[in-house]
C-alpha atoms as a PDB file:
ATOM      1  CA  VAL A   1     118.988  59.444  27.142  1.00  0.00           C
ATOM      2  CA  HIS A   2     118.482  63.001  25.942  1.00  0.00           C
ATOM      3  CA  PHE A   3     118.624  65.474  28.843  1.00  0.00           C
ATOM      4  CA  PHE A   4     115.203  66.967  28.102  1.00  0.00           C
ATOM      5  CA  VAL A   5     113.615  63.516  28.009  1.00  0.00           C
ATOM      6  CA  ALA A   6     115.104  62.559  31.401  1.00  0.00           C
ATOM      7  CA  ILE A   7     114.708  65.848  33.267  1.00  0.00           C
ATOM      8  CA  PRO A   8     110.996  65.606  34.222  1.00  0.00           C
ATOM      9  CA  GLU A   9     111.857  62.665  36.475  1.00  0.00           C
ATOM     10  CA  LEU A  10     114.745  64.592  38.050  1.00  0.00           C
ATOM     11  CA  GLN A  11     112.940  67.856  38.879  1.00  0.00           C
ATOM     12  CA  THR A  12     110.204  69.000  41.197  1.00  0.00           C
ATOM     13  CA  THR A  13     107.282  70.367  39.190  1.00  0.00           C
ATOM     14  CA  ASP A  14     106.863  73.430  41.420  1.00  0.00           C
ATOM     15  CA  GLY A  15     110.443  74.726  41.151  1.00  0.00           C
ATOM     16  CA  MET A  16     111.925  77.265  38.766  1.00  0.00           C
ATOM     17  CA  THR A  17     114.645  77.374  36.131  1.00  0.00           C
ATOM     18  CA  TYR A  18     116.475  80.647  35.439  1.00  0.00           C
ATOM     19  CA  THR A  19     118.925  81.479  32.671  1.00  0.00           C
ATOM     20  CA  ALA A  20     121.091  84.612  32.914  1.00  0.00           C
ATOM     21  CA  ILE A  21     122.145  85.493  29.371  1.00  0.00           C
ATOM     22  CA  HIS A  22     125.182  87.752  28.977  1.00  0.00           C
ATOM     23  CA  ARG A  23     124.570  90.099  26.069  1.00  0.00           C
ATOM     24  CA  PRO A  24     127.254  91.542  23.780  1.00  0.00           C
ATOM     25  CA  ASP A  25     126.648  95.023  25.252  1.00  0.00           C
ATOM     26  CA  GLY A  26     127.627  93.720  28.716  1.00  0.00           C
ATOM     27  CA  THR A  27     124.110  93.654  30.170  1.00  0.00           C
ATOM     28  CA  TRP A  28     122.312  90.571  31.450  1.00  0.00           C
ATOM     29  CA  ARG A  29     118.874  89.254  30.541  1.00  0.00           C
ATOM     30  CA  VAL A  30     117.350  86.868  33.090  1.00  0.00           C
ATOM     31  CA  VAL A  31     114.660  84.474  31.874  1.00  0.00           C
ATOM     32  CA  GLY A  32     112.641  82.363  34.316  1.00  0.00           C
ATOM     33  CA  ARG A  33     110.516  79.317  33.554  1.00  0.00           C
ATOM     34  CA  PRO A  34     108.656  76.903  35.822  1.00  0.00           C
ATOM     35  CA  ASN A  35     110.110  73.395  36.019  1.00  0.00           C
ATOM     36  CA  SER A  36     106.718  72.111  34.887  1.00  0.00           C
ATOM     37  CA  MET A  37     107.541  73.266  31.340  1.00  0.00           C
ATOM     38  CA  PHE A  38     109.905  70.288  31.057  1.00  0.00           C
ATOM     39  CA  ILE A  39     107.016  67.862  31.503  1.00  0.00           C
ATOM     40  CA  ASP A  40     105.604  68.902  28.122  1.00  0.00           C
ATOM     41  CA  PRO A  41     108.293  71.120  26.588  1.00  0.00           C
ATOM     42  CA  LYS A  42     107.584  72.710  23.228  1.00  0.00           C
ATOM     43  CA  GLY A  43     110.214  73.214  20.587  1.00  0.00           C
ATOM     44  CA  ILE A  44     112.977  71.096  22.113  1.00  0.00           C
ATOM     45  CA  SER A  45     115.990  71.038  19.870  1.00  0.00           C
ATOM     46  CA  THR A  46     116.912  67.731  18.298  1.00  0.00           C
ATOM     47  CA  SER A  47     120.517  68.927  17.909  1.00  0.00           C
ATOM     48  CA  GLU A  48     123.205  66.890  19.600  1.00  0.00           C
ATOM     49  CA  SER A  49     124.235  68.625  22.805  1.00  0.00           C
ATOM     50  CA  VAL A  50     126.948  67.883  25.352  1.00  0.00           C
ATOM     51  CA  GLU A  51     127.583  69.730  28.587  1.00  0.00           C
ATOM     52  CA  LYS A  52     130.867  69.230  30.419  1.00  0.00           C
ATOM     53  CA  PHE A  53     131.503  70.535  33.904  1.00  0.00           C
ATOM     54  CA  TRP A  54     134.387  70.711  36.379  1.00  0.00           C
ATOM     55  CA  ALA A  55     135.243  71.776  39.923  1.00  0.00           C
ATOM     56  CA  PRO A  56     131.789  71.210  41.433  1.00  0.00           C
ATOM     57  CA  VAL A  57     131.171  72.654  44.885  1.00  0.00           C
ATOM     58  CA  VAL A  58     128.596  70.511  46.704  1.00  0.00           C
ATOM     59  CA  MET A  59     126.995  71.497  50.000  1.00  0.00           C
ATOM     60  CA  ILE A  60     124.525  69.237  51.846  1.00  0.00           C
ATOM     61  CA  ARG A  61     122.603  69.770  55.048  1.00  0.00           C
ATOM     62  CA  GLY A  62     119.850  67.308  55.867  1.00  0.00           C
ATOM     63  CA  PRO A  63     117.400  67.098  52.949  1.00  0.00           C
ATOM     64  CA  LEU A  64     118.783  70.226  51.230  1.00  0.00           C
ATOM     65  CA  ALA A  65     121.745  70.500  48.875  1.00  0.00           C
ATOM     66  CA  MET A  66     123.285  72.825  46.329  1.00  0.00           C
ATOM     67  CA  VAL A  67     125.792  72.293  43.548  1.00  0.00           C
ATOM     68  CA  TRP A  68     127.764  75.104  41.881  1.00  0.00           C
ATOM     69  CA  ASN A  69     130.013  74.397  38.905  1.00  0.00           C
ATOM     70  CA  PRO A  70     131.416  75.994  35.766  1.00  0.00           C
ATOM     71  CA  PHE A  71     130.509  74.292  32.474  1.00  0.00           C
ATOM     72  CA  GLU A  72     131.060  74.308  28.725  1.00  0.00           C
ATOM     73  CA  PHE A  73     128.136  73.527  26.414  1.00  0.00           C
ATOM     74  CA  TRP A  74     128.585  72.068  22.923  1.00  0.00           C
ATOM     75  CA  LEU A  75     125.932  71.998  20.232  1.00  0.00           C
ATOM     76  CA  ASP A  76     126.469  69.791  17.182  1.00  0.00           C
ATOM     77  CA  GLY A  77     130.148  69.328  18.090  1.00  0.00           C
ATOM     78  CA  LYS A  78     130.983  73.036  18.517  1.00  0.00           C
ATOM     79  CA  THR A  79     131.254  75.163  21.648  1.00  0.00           C
ATOM     80  CA  SER A  80     128.072  77.190  22.057  1.00  0.00           C
ATOM     81  CA  HIS A  81     128.816  78.882  25.364  1.00  0.00           C
ATOM     82  CA  CYS A  82     130.217  78.489  28.852  1.00  0.00           C
ATOM     83  CA  GLY A  83     128.818  79.546  32.185  1.00  0.00           C
ATOM     84  CA  VAL A  84     128.130  78.560  35.757  1.00  0.00           C
ATOM     85  CA  ASN A  85     125.386  76.211  36.972  1.00  0.00           C
ATOM     86  CA  LEU A  86     123.707  76.562  40.351  1.00  0.00           C
ATOM     87  CA  MET A  87     121.377  73.729  41.306  1.00  0.00           C
ATOM     88  CA  GLN A  88     119.309  73.511  44.474  1.00  0.00           C
ATOM     89  CA  LEU A  89     118.152  70.038  45.406  1.00  0.00           C
ATOM     90  CA  VAL A  90     115.677  68.648  47.914  1.00  0.00           C
ATOM     91  CA  LYS A  91     115.442  65.058  49.143  1.00  0.00           C
ATOM     92  CA  THR A  92     111.882  63.762  49.301  1.00  0.00           C
ATOM     93  CA  ASP A  93     110.778  60.160  49.698  1.00  0.00           C
ATOM     94  CA  GLY A  94     114.440  59.118  49.703  1.00  0.00           C
ATOM     95  CA  GLU A  95     115.212  60.693  46.304  1.00  0.00           C
ATOM     96  CA  TRP A  96     117.133  63.844  45.404  1.00  0.00           C
ATOM     97  CA  LYS A  97     115.224  66.149  43.030  1.00  0.00           C
ATOM     98  CA  LEU A  98     116.233  69.395  41.337  1.00  0.00           C
ATOM     99  CA  ALA A  99     114.115  72.072  43.009  1.00  0.00           C
ATOM    100  CA  ASN A 100     115.557  75.174  41.342  1.00  0.00           C
ATOM    101  CA  THR A 101     118.161  75.454  38.611  1.00  0.00           C
ATOM    102  CA  MET A 102     120.030  78.535  37.417  1.00  0.00           C
ATOM    103  CA  TRP A 103     122.834  79.035  34.959  1.00  0.00           C
ATOM    104  CA  THR A 104     124.665  81.742  33.111  1.00  0.00           C
ATOM    105  CA  HIS A 105     124.897  81.697  29.315  1.00  0.00           C
ATOM    106  CA  GLU A 106     128.218  83.380  28.461  1.00  0.00           C
ATOM    107  CA  PRO A 107     129.454  82.882  24.882  1.00  0.00           C
ATOM    108  CA  ASP A 108     132.633  84.896  25.518  1.00  0.00           C
ATOM    109  CA  ALA A 109     133.570  83.441  28.926  1.00  0.00           C
ATOM    110  CA  CYS A 110     134.969  80.054  27.915  1.00  0.00           C
ATOM    111  CA  GLU A 111     138.618  81.080  28.025  1.00  0.00           C
ATOM    112  CA  ALA A 112     138.206  82.537  31.525  1.00  0.00           C
ATOM    113  CA  LEU A 113     136.127  79.638  32.885  1.00  0.00           C
ATOM    114  CA  ARG A 114     137.696  76.602  31.168  1.00  0.00           C
ATOM    115  CA  PRO A 115     140.042  74.628  33.445  1.00  0.00           C
ATOM    116  CA  THR A 116     143.744  74.542  32.624  1.00  0.00           C
ATOM    117  CA  ASP A 117     143.688  70.741  32.993  1.00  0.00           C
ATOM    118  CA  LEU A 118     141.022  69.597  30.514  1.00  0.00           C
ATOM    119  CA  SER A 119     141.115  66.069  31.960  1.00  0.00           C
ATOM    120  CA  THR A 120     139.140  67.409  34.947  1.00  0.00           C
ATOM    121  CA  MET A 121     136.100  68.022  32.710  1.00  0.00           C
ATOM    122  CA  ARG A 122     133.212  65.572  33.168  1.00  0.00           C
ATOM    123  CA  PRO A 123     131.999  63.573  31.424  1.00  0.00           C
ATOM    124  CA  ASN A 124     135.281  62.727  29.634  1.00  0.00           C
END
């Protein structure tokens, strides 16, 4: 299942998604969008994308959780960028939902972020 097809069922509609884009001049541009945009997203790419992650840090307390992990994102079989994901989750009606999601978009950070043991990347 394509990520953007599945995500509406995984997110709360009232949360936010933020992307921090690292620019070539060293500055950052932060773009925020409501999670509701994924219910009827416009202009979704039909390109084949794969995101691999490693070394997740998961913290849970009651119905609240957060996950932090580095990742590498491929588009049409080539590395597009690396970065760090931060996901905040909330458990409602017995189900975990993504409340807020943030990630960095760092085209030049893959060497620094990529694990030395590539077998730790998920999915394999």
